[in-house]
Amino acid sequence: MRNRGSAIIIKDNKVALIKRVKDHVTYYVFPGGGIEKGETPEEATKREAYEELGVTIKVNECFDTLDFNGKQYFFMAEIIEGVFGTGQGEEFKRNCSERGTYEPVWVESTLVANSI
């Protein structure tokens, strides 16, 4: 696998996630994806947020990195423009049951609310 960049976007005690349904299993992931050749992790995170969420983000500090099928970068980020949920990335254009569904969602979290 290749290295990935992901955005952690928190707004009004909610976190932006991608709701995935694949093989009858529902799970949630941070918006993000693979780092392309010549991209920095930050650049990939910005591109993926635009493709998946339809928003331009400001990438802030790196929250954490994990080594799992490549290096995974998680950046704190904030939306600076765009309309959440209007992403036009490949995952939204293909109608492929093998890949499952992708849905941008805001998830309320008492954990988020208590940590701010």
PDB file of N, CA and C in Angstrom:
ATOM      1  N   MET A   1       0.849  -1.188   0.000  1.00  0.00           N
ATOM      2  CA  MET A   1       0.000   0.000   0.000  1.00  0.00           C
ATOM      3  C   MET A   1       0.890   1.245   0.000  1.00  0.00           C
ATOM      4  N   ARG A   2       0.290   2.356  -0.366  1.00  0.00           N
ATOM      5  CA  ARG A   2       1.059   3.594  -0.390  1.00  0.00           C
ATOM      6  C   ARG A   2       0.741   4.450   0.830  1.00  0.00           C
ATOM      7  N   ASN A   3       1.551   5.455   1.034  1.00  0.00           N
ATOM      8  CA  ASN A   3       1.347   6.383   2.134  1.00  0.00           C
ATOM      9  C   ASN A   3       0.057   7.164   1.912  1.00  0.00           C
ATOM     10  N   ARG A   4      -0.552   7.609   3.009  1.00  0.00           N
ATOM     11  CA  ARG A   4      -1.846   8.288   2.952  1.00  0.00           C
ATOM     12  C   ARG A   4      -1.837   9.532   3.825  1.00  0.00           C
ATOM     13  N   GLY A   5      -2.637  10.509   3.425  1.00  0.00           N
ATOM     14  CA  GLY A   5      -2.868  11.700   4.231  1.00  0.00           C
ATOM     15  C   GLY A   5      -4.350  11.821   4.541  1.00  0.00           C
ATOM     16  N   SER A   6      -4.684  12.152   5.782  1.00  0.00           N
ATOM     17  CA  SER A   6      -6.083  12.270   6.194  1.00  0.00           C
ATOM     18  C   SER A   6      -6.296  13.535   7.011  1.00  0.00           C
ATOM     19  N   ALA A   7      -7.516  14.063   6.921  1.00  0.00           N
ATOM     20  CA  ALA A   7      -7.886  15.294   7.619  1.00  0.00           C
ATOM     21  C   ALA A   7      -8.793  14.993   8.803  1.00  0.00           C
ATOM     22  N   ILE A   8      -8.473  15.602   9.924  1.00  0.00           N
ATOM     23  CA  ILE A   8      -9.356  15.574  11.097  1.00  0.00           C
ATOM     24  C   ILE A   8      -9.955  16.967  11.191  1.00  0.00           C
ATOM     25  N   ILE A   9     -11.230  17.069  10.840  1.00  0.00           N
ATOM     26  CA  ILE A   9     -11.918  18.365  10.812  1.00  0.00           C
ATOM     27  C   ILE A   9     -12.992  18.339  11.889  1.00  0.00           C
ATOM     28  N   ILE A  10     -12.878  19.259  12.840  1.00  0.00           N
ATOM     29  CA  ILE A  10     -13.839  19.345  13.937  1.00  0.00           C
ATOM     30  C   ILE A  10     -14.499  20.713  13.870  1.00  0.00           C
ATOM     31  N   LYS A  11     -15.830  20.700  13.916  1.00  0.00           N
ATOM     32  CA  LYS A  11     -16.596  21.949  13.864  1.00  0.00           C
ATOM     33  C   LYS A  11     -17.866  21.765  14.679  1.00  0.00           C
ATOM     34  N   ASP A  12     -18.141  22.686  15.579  1.00  0.00           N
ATOM     35  CA  ASP A  12     -19.355  22.652  16.398  1.00  0.00           C
ATOM     36  C   ASP A  12     -19.534  21.302  17.086  1.00  0.00           C
ATOM     37  N   ASN A  13     -18.451  20.794  17.689  1.00  0.00           N
ATOM     38  CA  ASN A  13     -18.462  19.524  18.424  1.00  0.00           C
ATOM     39  C   ASN A  13     -18.817  18.322  17.556  1.00  0.00           C
ATOM     40  N   LYS A  14     -18.553  18.450  16.260  1.00  0.00           N
ATOM     41  CA  LYS A  14     -18.779  17.345  15.331  1.00  0.00           C
ATOM     42  C   LYS A  14     -17.499  17.113  14.547  1.00  0.00           C
ATOM     43  N   VAL A  15     -17.300  15.884  14.126  1.00  0.00           N
ATOM     44  CA  VAL A  15     -16.134  15.540  13.329  1.00  0.00           C
ATOM     45  C   VAL A  15     -16.599  15.096  11.944  1.00  0.00           C
ATOM     46  N   ALA A  16     -15.876  15.545  10.921  1.00  0.00           N
ATOM     47  CA  ALA A  16     -16.201  15.181   9.546  1.00  0.00           C
ATOM     48  C   ALA A  16     -15.625  13.797   9.256  1.00  0.00           C
ATOM     49  N   LEU A  17     -16.473  12.897   8.798  1.00  0.00           N
ATOM     50  CA  LEU A  17     -16.064  11.538   8.471  1.00  0.00           C
ATOM     51  C   LEU A  17     -16.686  11.113   7.149  1.00  0.00           C
ATOM     52  N   ILE A  18     -16.161  10.037   6.602  1.00  0.00           N
ATOM     53  CA  ILE A  18     -16.759   9.401   5.438  1.00  0.00           C
ATOM     54  C   ILE A  18     -17.409   8.122   5.927  1.00  0.00           C
ATOM     55  N   LYS A  19     -18.722   8.042   5.752  1.00  0.00           N
ATOM     56  CA  LYS A  19     -19.454   6.823   6.111  1.00  0.00           C
ATOM     57  C   LYS A  19     -19.316   5.848   4.951  1.00  0.00           C
ATOM     58  N   ARG A  20     -18.783   4.688   5.227  1.00  0.00           N
ATOM     59  CA  ARG A  20     -18.581   3.661   4.214  1.00  0.00           C
ATOM     60  C   ARG A  20     -19.508   2.490   4.496  1.00  0.00           C
ATOM     61  N   VAL A  21     -20.119   1.975   3.444  1.00  0.00           N
ATOM     62  CA  VAL A  21     -20.879   0.731   3.535  1.00  0.00           C
ATOM     63  C   VAL A  21     -20.328  -0.173   2.453  1.00  0.00           C
ATOM     64  N   LYS A  22     -19.758  -1.291   2.874  1.00  0.00           N
ATOM     65  CA  LYS A  22     -19.150  -2.227   1.944  1.00  0.00           C
ATOM     66  C   LYS A  22     -19.377  -3.637   2.458  1.00  0.00           C
ATOM     67  N   ASP A  23     -19.863  -4.495   1.583  1.00  0.00           N
ATOM     68  CA  ASP A  23     -20.136  -5.891   1.958  1.00  0.00           C
ATOM     69  C   ASP A  23     -21.039  -5.965   3.185  1.00  0.00           C
ATOM     70  N   HIS A  24     -22.053  -5.094   3.229  1.00  0.00           N
ATOM     71  CA  HIS A  24     -23.047  -5.053   4.310  1.00  0.00           C
ATOM     72  C   HIS A  24     -22.450  -4.661   5.667  1.00  0.00           C
ATOM     73  N   VAL A  25     -21.281  -4.037   5.657  1.00  0.00           N
ATOM     74  CA  VAL A  25     -20.644  -3.561   6.882  1.00  0.00           C
ATOM     75  C   VAL A  25     -20.548  -2.041   6.798  1.00  0.00           C
ATOM     76  N   THR A  26     -20.972  -1.356   7.860  1.00  0.00           N
ATOM     77  CA  THR A  26     -20.889   0.097   7.929  1.00  0.00           C
ATOM     78  C   THR A  26     -19.732   0.483   8.838  1.00  0.00           C
ATOM     79  N   TYR A  27     -18.893   1.404   8.351  1.00  0.00           N
ATOM     80  CA  TYR A  27     -17.788   1.905   9.154  1.00  0.00           C
ATOM     81  C   TYR A  27     -17.487   3.335   8.723  1.00  0.00           C
ATOM     82  N   TYR A  28     -16.677   4.025   9.500  1.00  0.00           N
ATOM     83  CA  TYR A  28     -16.380   5.431   9.261  1.00  0.00           C
ATOM     84  C   TYR A  28     -14.869   5.629   9.173  1.00  0.00           C
ATOM     85  N   VAL A  29     -14.447   6.511   8.258  1.00  0.00           N
ATOM     86  CA  VAL A  29     -13.032   6.835   8.107  1.00  0.00           C
ATOM     87  C   VAL A  29     -12.876   8.347   8.002  1.00  0.00           C
ATOM     88  N   PHE A  30     -11.688   8.823   8.330  1.00  0.00           N
ATOM     89  CA  PHE A  30     -11.392  10.231   8.104  1.00  0.00           C
ATOM     90  C   PHE A  30     -11.241  10.471   6.606  1.00  0.00           C
ATOM     91  N   PRO A  31     -11.656  11.633   6.117  1.00  0.00           N
ATOM     92  CA  PRO A  31     -11.439  11.942   4.700  1.00  0.00           C
ATOM     93  C   PRO A  31      -9.947  11.941   4.391  1.00  0.00           C
ATOM     94  N   GLY A  32      -9.585  11.311   3.318  1.00  0.00           N
ATOM     95  CA  GLY A  32      -8.183  11.261   2.945  1.00  0.00           C
ATOM     96  C   GLY A  32      -7.930  10.170   1.929  1.00  0.00           C
ATOM     97  N   GLY A  33      -6.669  10.026   1.559  1.00  0.00           N
ATOM     98  CA  GLY A  33      -6.334   9.005   0.587  1.00  0.00           C
ATOM     99  C   GLY A  33      -4.857   8.992   0.278  1.00  0.00           C
ATOM    100  N   GLY A  34      -4.520   8.263  -0.751  1.00  0.00           N
ATOM    101  CA  GLY A  34      -3.135   8.032  -1.121  1.00  0.00           C
ATOM    102  C   GLY A  34      -2.397   9.281  -1.553  1.00  0.00           C
ATOM    103  N   ILE A  35      -1.122   9.317  -1.177  1.00  0.00           N
ATOM    104  CA  ILE A  35      -0.238  10.410  -1.570  1.00  0.00           C
ATOM    105  C   ILE A  35       0.333  10.075  -2.942  1.00  0.00           C
ATOM    106  N   GLU A  36       0.116  10.966  -3.905  1.00  0.00           N
ATOM    107  CA  GLU A  36       0.600  10.740  -5.263  1.00  0.00           C
ATOM    108  C   GLU A  36       2.056  11.161  -5.391  1.00  0.00           C
ATOM    109  N   LYS A  37       2.714  10.629  -6.412  1.00  0.00           N
ATOM    110  CA  LYS A  37       4.121  10.954  -6.649  1.00  0.00           C
ATOM    111  C   LYS A  37       4.299  12.468  -6.766  1.00  0.00           C
ATOM    112  N   GLY A  38       5.265  12.998  -6.027  1.00  0.00           N
ATOM    113  CA  GLY A  38       5.557  14.428  -6.058  1.00  0.00           C
ATOM    114  C   GLY A  38       4.740  15.245  -5.065  1.00  0.00           C
ATOM    115  N   GLU A  39       3.780  14.631  -4.367  1.00  0.00           N
ATOM    116  CA  GLU A  39       2.956  15.341  -3.389  1.00  0.00           C
ATOM    117  C   GLU A  39       3.536  15.192  -1.989  1.00  0.00           C
ATOM    118  N   THR A  40       3.340  16.206  -1.186  1.00  0.00           N
ATOM    119  CA  THR A  40       3.631  16.089   0.236  1.00  0.00           C
ATOM    120  C   THR A  40       2.391  15.501   0.913  1.00  0.00           C
ATOM    121  N   PRO A  41       2.526  14.986   2.127  1.00  0.00           N
ATOM    122  CA  PRO A  41       1.343  14.510   2.851  1.00  0.00           C
ATOM    123  C   PRO A  41       0.281  15.603   3.014  1.00  0.00           C
ATOM    124  N   GLU A  42       0.725  16.838   3.253  1.00  0.00           N
ATOM    125  CA  GLU A  42      -0.217  17.953   3.412  1.00  0.00           C
ATOM    126  C   GLU A  42      -0.973  18.234   2.111  1.00  0.00           C
ATOM    127  N   GLU A  43      -0.259  18.220   0.994  1.00  0.00           N
ATOM    128  CA  GLU A  43      -0.898  18.471  -0.302  1.00  0.00           C
ATOM    129  C   GLU A  43      -1.917  17.379  -0.626  1.00  0.00           C
ATOM    130  N   ALA A  44      -1.570  16.145  -0.340  1.00  0.00           N
ATOM    131  CA  ALA A  44      -2.497  15.036  -0.587  1.00  0.00           C
ATOM    132  C   ALA A  44      -3.746  15.175   0.278  1.00  0.00           C
ATOM    133  N   THR A  45      -3.561  15.586   1.522  1.00  0.00           N
ATOM    134  CA  THR A  45      -4.698  15.758   2.434  1.00  0.00           C
ATOM    135  C   THR A  45      -5.641  16.840   1.922  1.00  0.00           C
ATOM    136  N   LYS A  46      -5.089  17.948   1.443  1.00  0.00           N
ATOM    137  CA  LYS A  46      -5.917  19.023   0.871  1.00  0.00           C
ATOM    138  C   LYS A  46      -6.675  18.535  -0.363  1.00  0.00           C
ATOM    139  N   ARG A  47      -5.975  17.849  -1.256  1.00  0.00           N
ATOM    140  CA  ARG A  47      -6.605  17.355  -2.487  1.00  0.00           C
ATOM    141  C   ARG A  47      -7.723  16.366  -2.164  1.00  0.00           C
ATOM    142  N   GLU A  48      -7.443  15.449  -1.266  1.00  0.00           N
ATOM    143  CA  GLU A  48      -8.446  14.445  -0.911  1.00  0.00           C
ATOM    144  C   GLU A  48      -9.669  15.063  -0.237  1.00  0.00           C
ATOM    145  N   ALA A  49      -9.455  16.065   0.618  1.00  0.00           N
ATOM    146  CA  ALA A  49     -10.597  16.737   1.258  1.00  0.00           C
ATOM    147  C   ALA A  49     -11.477  17.402   0.198  1.00  0.00           C
ATOM    148  N   TYR A  50     -10.849  18.004  -0.808  1.00  0.00           N
ATOM    149  CA  TYR A  50     -11.632  18.631  -1.871  1.00  0.00           C
ATOM    150  C   TYR A  50     -12.388  17.578  -2.674  1.00  0.00           C
ATOM    151  N   GLU A  51     -11.709  16.492  -3.047  1.00  0.00           N
ATOM    152  CA  GLU A  51     -12.347  15.440  -3.838  1.00  0.00           C
ATOM    153  C   GLU A  51     -13.477  14.755  -3.074  1.00  0.00           C
ATOM    154  N   GLU A  52     -13.262  14.485  -1.792  1.00  0.00           N
ATOM    155  CA  GLU A  52     -14.231  13.711  -1.025  1.00  0.00           C
ATOM    156  C   GLU A  52     -15.309  14.552  -0.362  1.00  0.00           C
ATOM    157  N   LEU A  53     -14.962  15.761   0.055  1.00  0.00           N
ATOM    158  CA  LEU A  53     -15.922  16.588   0.792  1.00  0.00           C
ATOM    159  C   LEU A  53     -16.424  17.794   0.013  1.00  0.00           C
ATOM    160  N   GLY A  54     -15.673  18.220  -1.010  1.00  0.00           N
ATOM    161  CA  GLY A  54     -16.056  19.411  -1.757  1.00  0.00           C
ATOM    162  C   GLY A  54     -15.632  20.695  -1.088  1.00  0.00           C
ATOM    163  N   VAL A  55     -14.655  20.621  -0.181  1.00  0.00           N
ATOM    164  CA  VAL A  55     -14.221  21.806   0.548  1.00  0.00           C
ATOM    165  C   VAL A  55     -12.714  21.995   0.416  1.00  0.00           C
ATOM    166  N   THR A  56     -12.300  23.260   0.526  1.00  0.00           N
ATOM    167  CA  THR A  56     -10.888  23.602   0.613  1.00  0.00           C
ATOM    168  C   THR A  56     -10.561  23.703   2.091  1.00  0.00           C
ATOM    169  N   ILE A  57      -9.453  23.086   2.481  1.00  0.00           N
ATOM    170  CA  ILE A  57      -9.087  23.103   3.894  1.00  0.00           C
ATOM    171  C   ILE A  57      -7.735  23.754   4.108  1.00  0.00           C
ATOM    172  N   LYS A  58      -7.547  24.227   5.318  1.00  0.00           N
ATOM    173  CA  LYS A  58      -6.239  24.657   5.796  1.00  0.00           C
ATOM    174  C   LYS A  58      -5.721  23.503   6.646  1.00  0.00           C
ATOM    175  N   VAL A  59      -4.562  22.968   6.274  1.00  0.00           N
ATOM    176  CA  VAL A  59      -3.959  21.880   7.036  1.00  0.00           C
ATOM    177  C   VAL A  59      -3.126  22.489   8.157  1.00  0.00           C
ATOM    178  N   ASN A  60      -3.409  22.062   9.365  1.00  0.00           N
ATOM    179  CA  ASN A  60      -2.676  22.548  10.534  1.00  0.00           C
ATOM    180  C   ASN A  60      -1.666  21.487  10.978  1.00  0.00           C
ATOM    181  N   GLU A  61      -1.488  21.329  12.261  1.00  0.00           N
ATOM    182  CA  GLU A  61      -0.469  20.423  12.766  1.00  0.00           C
ATOM    183  C   GLU A  61      -0.804  18.960  12.487  1.00  0.00           C
ATOM    184  N   CYS A  62       0.271  18.173  12.441  1.00  0.00           N
ATOM    185  CA  CYS A  62       0.105  16.731  12.285  1.00  0.00           C
ATOM    186  C   CYS A  62      -0.299  16.169  13.647  1.00  0.00           C
ATOM    187  N   PHE A  63      -1.463  15.562  13.705  1.00  0.00           N
ATOM    188  CA  PHE A  63      -1.982  14.997  14.953  1.00  0.00           C
ATOM    189  C   PHE A  63      -1.244  13.717  15.304  1.00  0.00           C
ATOM    190  N   ASP A  64      -1.004  12.872  14.291  1.00  0.00           N
ATOM    191  CA  ASP A  64      -0.326  11.600  14.539  1.00  0.00           C
ATOM    192  C   ASP A  64       0.063  10.962  13.223  1.00  0.00           C
ATOM    193  N   THR A  65       0.992  10.047  13.288  1.00  0.00           N
ATOM    194  CA  THR A  65       1.339   9.201  12.154  1.00  0.00           C
ATOM    195  C   THR A  65       1.326   7.765  12.626  1.00  0.00           C
ATOM    196  N   LEU A  66       0.920   6.871  11.740  1.00  0.00           N
ATOM    197  CA  LEU A  66       0.889   5.444  12.042  1.00  0.00           C
ATOM    198  C   LEU A  66       1.538   4.690  10.900  1.00  0.00           C
ATOM    199  N   ASP A  67       2.225   3.630  11.231  1.00  0.00           N
ATOM    200  CA  ASP A  67       2.761   2.741  10.209  1.00  0.00           C
ATOM    201  C   ASP A  67       1.807   1.569  10.077  1.00  0.00           C
ATOM    202  N   PHE A  68       1.011   1.589   8.996  1.00  0.00           N
ATOM    203  CA  PHE A  68       0.049   0.521   8.724  1.00  0.00           C
ATOM    204  C   PHE A  68      -0.179   0.503   7.225  1.00  0.00           C
ATOM    205  N   ASN A  69       0.314  -0.504   6.550  1.00  0.00           N
ATOM    206  CA  ASN A  69       0.226  -0.559   5.091  1.00  0.00           C
ATOM    207  C   ASN A  69       0.777   0.721   4.472  1.00  0.00           C
ATOM    208  N   GLY A  70       1.906   1.176   4.965  1.00  0.00           N
ATOM    209  CA  GLY A  70       2.496   2.443   4.569  1.00  0.00           C
ATOM    210  C   GLY A  70       2.368   3.426   5.716  1.00  0.00           C
ATOM    211  N   LYS A  71       2.861   4.621   5.524  1.00  0.00           N
ATOM    212  CA  LYS A  71       2.778   5.662   6.556  1.00  0.00           C
ATOM    213  C   LYS A  71       1.446   6.393   6.419  1.00  0.00           C
ATOM    214  N   GLN A  72       0.723   6.501   7.528  1.00  0.00           N
ATOM    215  CA  GLN A  72      -0.564   7.182   7.573  1.00  0.00           C
ATOM    216  C   GLN A  72      -0.383   8.493   8.345  1.00  0.00           C
ATOM    217  N   TYR A  73      -0.685   9.617   7.696  1.00  0.00           N
ATOM    218  CA  TYR A  73      -0.570  10.932   8.319  1.00  0.00           C
ATOM    219  C   TYR A  73      -1.965  11.454   8.632  1.00  0.00           C
ATOM    220  N   PHE A  74      -2.169  11.928   9.859  1.00  0.00           N
ATOM    221  CA  PHE A  74      -3.447  12.501  10.273  1.00  0.00           C
ATOM    222  C   PHE A  74      -3.199  13.948  10.690  1.00  0.00           C
ATOM    223  N   PHE A  75      -3.811  14.875   9.939  1.00  0.00           N
ATOM    224  CA  PHE A  75      -3.613  16.300  10.174  1.00  0.00           C
ATOM    225  C   PHE A  75      -4.877  16.940  10.727  1.00  0.00           C
ATOM    226  N   MET A  76      -4.722  17.800  11.730  1.00  0.00           N
ATOM    227  CA  MET A  76      -5.813  18.652  12.146  1.00  0.00           C
ATOM    228  C   MET A  76      -6.019  19.660  11.016  1.00  0.00           C
ATOM    229  N   ALA A  77      -7.268  19.952  10.683  1.00  0.00           N
ATOM    230  CA  ALA A  77      -7.545  20.838   9.555  1.00  0.00           C
ATOM    231  C   ALA A  77      -8.832  21.609   9.810  1.00  0.00           C
ATOM    232  N   GLU A  78      -9.000  22.668   9.034  1.00  0.00           N
ATOM    233  CA  GLU A  78     -10.234  23.454   9.132  1.00  0.00           C
ATOM    234  C   GLU A  78     -10.706  23.832   7.738  1.00  0.00           C
ATOM    235  N   ILE A  79     -12.008  23.889   7.585  1.00  0.00           N
ATOM    236  CA  ILE A  79     -12.600  24.262   6.301  1.00  0.00           C
ATOM    237  C   ILE A  79     -12.466  25.768   6.115  1.00  0.00           C
ATOM    238  N   ILE A  80     -11.963  26.173   4.921  1.00  0.00           N
ATOM    239  CA  ILE A  80     -11.867  27.610   4.653  1.00  0.00           C
ATOM    240  C   ILE A  80     -12.836  28.057   3.560  1.00  0.00           C
ATOM    241  N   GLU A  81     -13.293  27.120   2.717  1.00  0.00           N
ATOM    242  CA  GLU A  81     -14.334  27.466   1.740  1.00  0.00           C
ATOM    243  C   GLU A  81     -14.900  26.193   1.130  1.00  0.00           C
ATOM    244  N   GLY A  82     -16.035  26.357   0.470  1.00  0.00           N
ATOM    245  CA  GLY A  82     -16.683  25.236  -0.193  1.00  0.00           C
ATOM    246  C   GLY A  82     -17.933  24.794   0.542  1.00  0.00           C
ATOM    247  N   VAL A  83     -18.628  23.829  -0.061  1.00  0.00           N
ATOM    248  CA  VAL A  83     -19.868  23.303   0.515  1.00  0.00           C
ATOM    249  C   VAL A  83     -19.645  21.842   0.870  1.00  0.00           C
ATOM    250  N   PHE A  84     -19.707  21.551   2.159  1.00  0.00           N
ATOM    251  CA  PHE A  84     -19.500  20.195   2.648  1.00  0.00           C
ATOM    252  C   PHE A  84     -20.492  19.237   1.989  1.00  0.00           C
ATOM    253  N   GLY A  85     -19.980  18.119   1.506  1.00  0.00           N
ATOM    254  CA  GLY A  85     -20.827  17.096   0.895  1.00  0.00           C
ATOM    255  C   GLY A  85     -20.949  17.186  -0.610  1.00  0.00           C
ATOM    256  N   THR A  86     -20.157  18.063  -1.232  1.00  0.00           N
ATOM    257  CA  THR A  86     -20.258  18.229  -2.686  1.00  0.00           C
ATOM    258  C   THR A  86     -19.053  17.653  -3.423  1.00  0.00           C
ATOM    259  N   GLY A  87     -18.325  16.752  -2.779  1.00  0.00           N
ATOM    260  CA  GLY A  87     -17.146  16.156  -3.395  1.00  0.00           C
ATOM    261  C   GLY A  87     -17.472  15.443  -4.699  1.00  0.00           C
ATOM    262  N   GLN A  88     -16.521  15.485  -5.611  1.00  0.00           N
ATOM    263  CA  GLN A  88     -16.711  14.881  -6.932  1.00  0.00           C
ATOM    264  C   GLN A  88     -15.585  13.902  -7.270  1.00  0.00           C
ATOM    265  N   GLY A  89     -14.953  13.310  -6.260  1.00  0.00           N
ATOM    266  CA  GLY A  89     -13.867  12.369  -6.500  1.00  0.00           C
ATOM    267  C   GLY A  89     -14.341  11.106  -7.195  1.00  0.00           C
ATOM    268  N   GLU A  90     -13.383  10.313  -7.653  1.00  0.00           N
ATOM    269  CA  GLU A  90     -13.693   9.078  -8.379  1.00  0.00           C
ATOM    270  C   GLU A  90     -14.615   8.156  -7.607  1.00  0.00           C
ATOM    271  N   GLU A  91     -14.454   8.096  -6.286  1.00  0.00           N
ATOM    272  CA  GLU A  91     -15.288   7.191  -5.487  1.00  0.00           C
ATOM    273  C   GLU A  91     -16.764   7.547  -5.553  1.00  0.00           C
ATOM    274  N   PHE A  92     -17.085   8.804  -5.901  1.00  0.00           N
ATOM    275  CA  PHE A  92     -18.473   9.221  -6.010  1.00  0.00           C
ATOM    276  C   PHE A  92     -19.003   9.077  -7.433  1.00  0.00           C
ATOM    277  N   LYS A  93     -18.124   9.015  -8.413  1.00  0.00           N
ATOM    278  CA  LYS A  93     -18.534   8.923  -9.808  1.00  0.00           C
ATOM    279  C   LYS A  93     -18.804   7.492 -10.241  1.00  0.00           C
ATOM    280  N   ARG A  94     -18.081   6.567  -9.666  1.00  0.00           N
ATOM    281  CA  ARG A  94     -18.246   5.164 -10.046  1.00  0.00           C
ATOM    282  C   ARG A  94     -19.435   4.555  -9.330  1.00  0.00           C
ATOM    283  N   ASN A  95     -20.176   3.756 -10.039  1.00  0.00           N
ATOM    284  CA  ASN A  95     -21.272   3.011  -9.425  1.00  0.00           C
ATOM    285  C   ASN A  95     -20.837   1.554  -9.374  1.00  0.00           C
ATOM    286  N   CYS A  96     -19.968   1.261  -8.438  1.00  0.00           N
ATOM    287  CA  CYS A  96     -19.349  -0.054  -8.371  1.00  0.00           C
ATOM    288  C   CYS A  96     -19.668  -0.677  -7.018  1.00  0.00           C
ATOM    289  N   SER A  97     -20.486  -1.703  -7.015  1.00  0.00           N
ATOM    290  CA  SER A  97     -20.887  -2.329  -5.759  1.00  0.00           C
ATOM    291  C   SER A  97     -19.711  -2.943  -5.017  1.00  0.00           C
ATOM    292  N   GLU A  98     -18.644  -3.287  -5.719  1.00  0.00           N
ATOM    293  CA  GLU A  98     -17.475  -3.861  -5.065  1.00  0.00           C
ATOM    294  C   GLU A  98     -16.787  -2.853  -4.150  1.00  0.00           C
ATOM    295  N   ARG A  99     -16.837  -1.577  -4.500  1.00  0.00           N
ATOM    296  CA  ARG A  99     -16.187  -0.534  -3.695  1.00  0.00           C
ATOM    297  C   ARG A  99     -17.067  -0.043  -2.562  1.00  0.00           C
ATOM    298  N   GLY A 100     -18.344  -0.341  -2.602  1.00  0.00           N
ATOM    299  CA  GLY A 100     -19.250   0.122  -1.571  1.00  0.00           C
ATOM    300  C   GLY A 100     -19.634   1.576  -1.773  1.00  0.00           C
ATOM    301  N   THR A 101     -20.236   2.169  -0.742  1.00  0.00           N
ATOM    302  CA  THR A 101     -20.692   3.551  -0.834  1.00  0.00           C
ATOM    303  C   THR A 101     -19.833   4.460   0.034  1.00  0.00           C
ATOM    304  N   TYR A 102     -19.816   5.740  -0.341  1.00  0.00           N
ATOM    305  CA  TYR A 102     -19.088   6.790   0.373  1.00  0.00           C
ATOM    306  C   TYR A 102     -20.073   7.920   0.641  1.00  0.00           C
ATOM    307  N   GLU A 103     -20.172   8.355   1.888  1.00  0.00           N
ATOM    308  CA  GLU A 103     -21.071   9.459   2.217  1.00  0.00           C
ATOM    309  C   GLU A 103     -20.410  10.380   3.242  1.00  0.00           C
ATOM    310  N   PRO A 104     -20.140  11.635   2.880  1.00  0.00           N
ATOM    311  CA  PRO A 104     -19.583  12.574   3.854  1.00  0.00           C
ATOM    312  C   PRO A 104     -20.635  12.892   4.919  1.00  0.00           C
ATOM    313  N   VAL A 105     -20.242  12.814   6.188  1.00  0.00           N
ATOM    314  CA  VAL A 105     -21.179  13.063   7.284  1.00  0.00           C
ATOM    315  C   VAL A 105     -20.474  13.818   8.404  1.00  0.00           C
ATOM    316  N   TRP A 106     -21.267  14.554   9.160  1.00  0.00           N
ATOM    317  CA  TRP A 106     -20.807  15.142  10.414  1.00  0.00           C
ATOM    318  C   TRP A 106     -21.298  14.228  11.526  1.00  0.00           C
ATOM    319  N   VAL A 107     -20.410  13.824  12.414  1.00  0.00           N
ATOM    320  CA  VAL A 107     -20.765  12.929  13.511  1.00  0.00           C
ATOM    321  C   VAL A 107     -20.532  13.659  14.825  1.00  0.00           C
ATOM    322  N   GLU A 108     -21.614  13.773  15.606  1.00  0.00           N
ATOM    323  CA  GLU A 108     -21.502  14.420  16.903  1.00  0.00           C
ATOM    324  C   GLU A 108     -20.779  13.485  17.849  1.00  0.00           C
ATOM    325  N   SER A 109     -19.944  14.071  18.661  1.00  0.00           N
ATOM    326  CA  SER A 109     -19.154  13.250  19.576  1.00  0.00           C
ATOM    327  C   SER A 109     -19.012  13.938  20.917  1.00  0.00           C
ATOM    328  N   THR A 110     -19.433  13.267  21.979  1.00  0.00           N
ATOM    329  CA  THR A 110     -19.226  13.820  23.309  1.00  0.00           C
ATOM    330  C   THR A 110     -17.744  13.807  23.628  1.00  0.00           C
ATOM    331  N   LEU A 111     -16.991  12.869  23.061  1.00  0.00           N
ATOM    332  CA  LEU A 111     -15.552  12.842  23.248  1.00  0.00           C
ATOM    333  C   LEU A 111     -14.931  14.097  22.669  1.00  0.00           C
ATOM    334  N   VAL A 112     -15.367  14.500  21.480  1.00  0.00           N
ATOM    335  CA  VAL A 112     -14.866  15.731  20.854  1.00  0.00           C
ATOM    336  C   VAL A 112     -15.268  16.922  21.710  1.00  0.00           C
ATOM    337  N   ALA A 113     -16.523  16.966  22.136  1.00  0.00           N
ATOM    338  CA  ALA A 113     -17.015  18.102  22.910  1.00  0.00           C
ATOM    339  C   ALA A 113     -16.251  18.239  24.231  1.00  0.00           C
ATOM    340  N   ASN A 114     -15.900  17.121  24.851  1.00  0.00           N
ATOM    341  CA  ASN A 114     -15.215  17.179  26.152  1.00  0.00           C
ATOM    342  C   ASN A 114     -13.727  17.442  26.021  1.00  0.00           C
ATOM    343  N   SER A 115     -13.162  17.296  24.825  1.00  0.00           N
ATOM    344  CA  SER A 115     -11.720  17.485  24.683  1.00  0.00           C
ATOM    345  C   SER A 115     -11.350  18.877  24.190  1.00  0.00           C
ATOM    346  N   ILE A 116     -12.332  19.670  23.817  1.00  0.00           N
ATOM    347  CA  ILE A 116     -12.050  21.013  23.268  1.00  0.00           C
ATOM    348  C   ILE A 116     -11.955  22.016  24.393  1.00  0.00           C
TER     349      ILE A 116
END
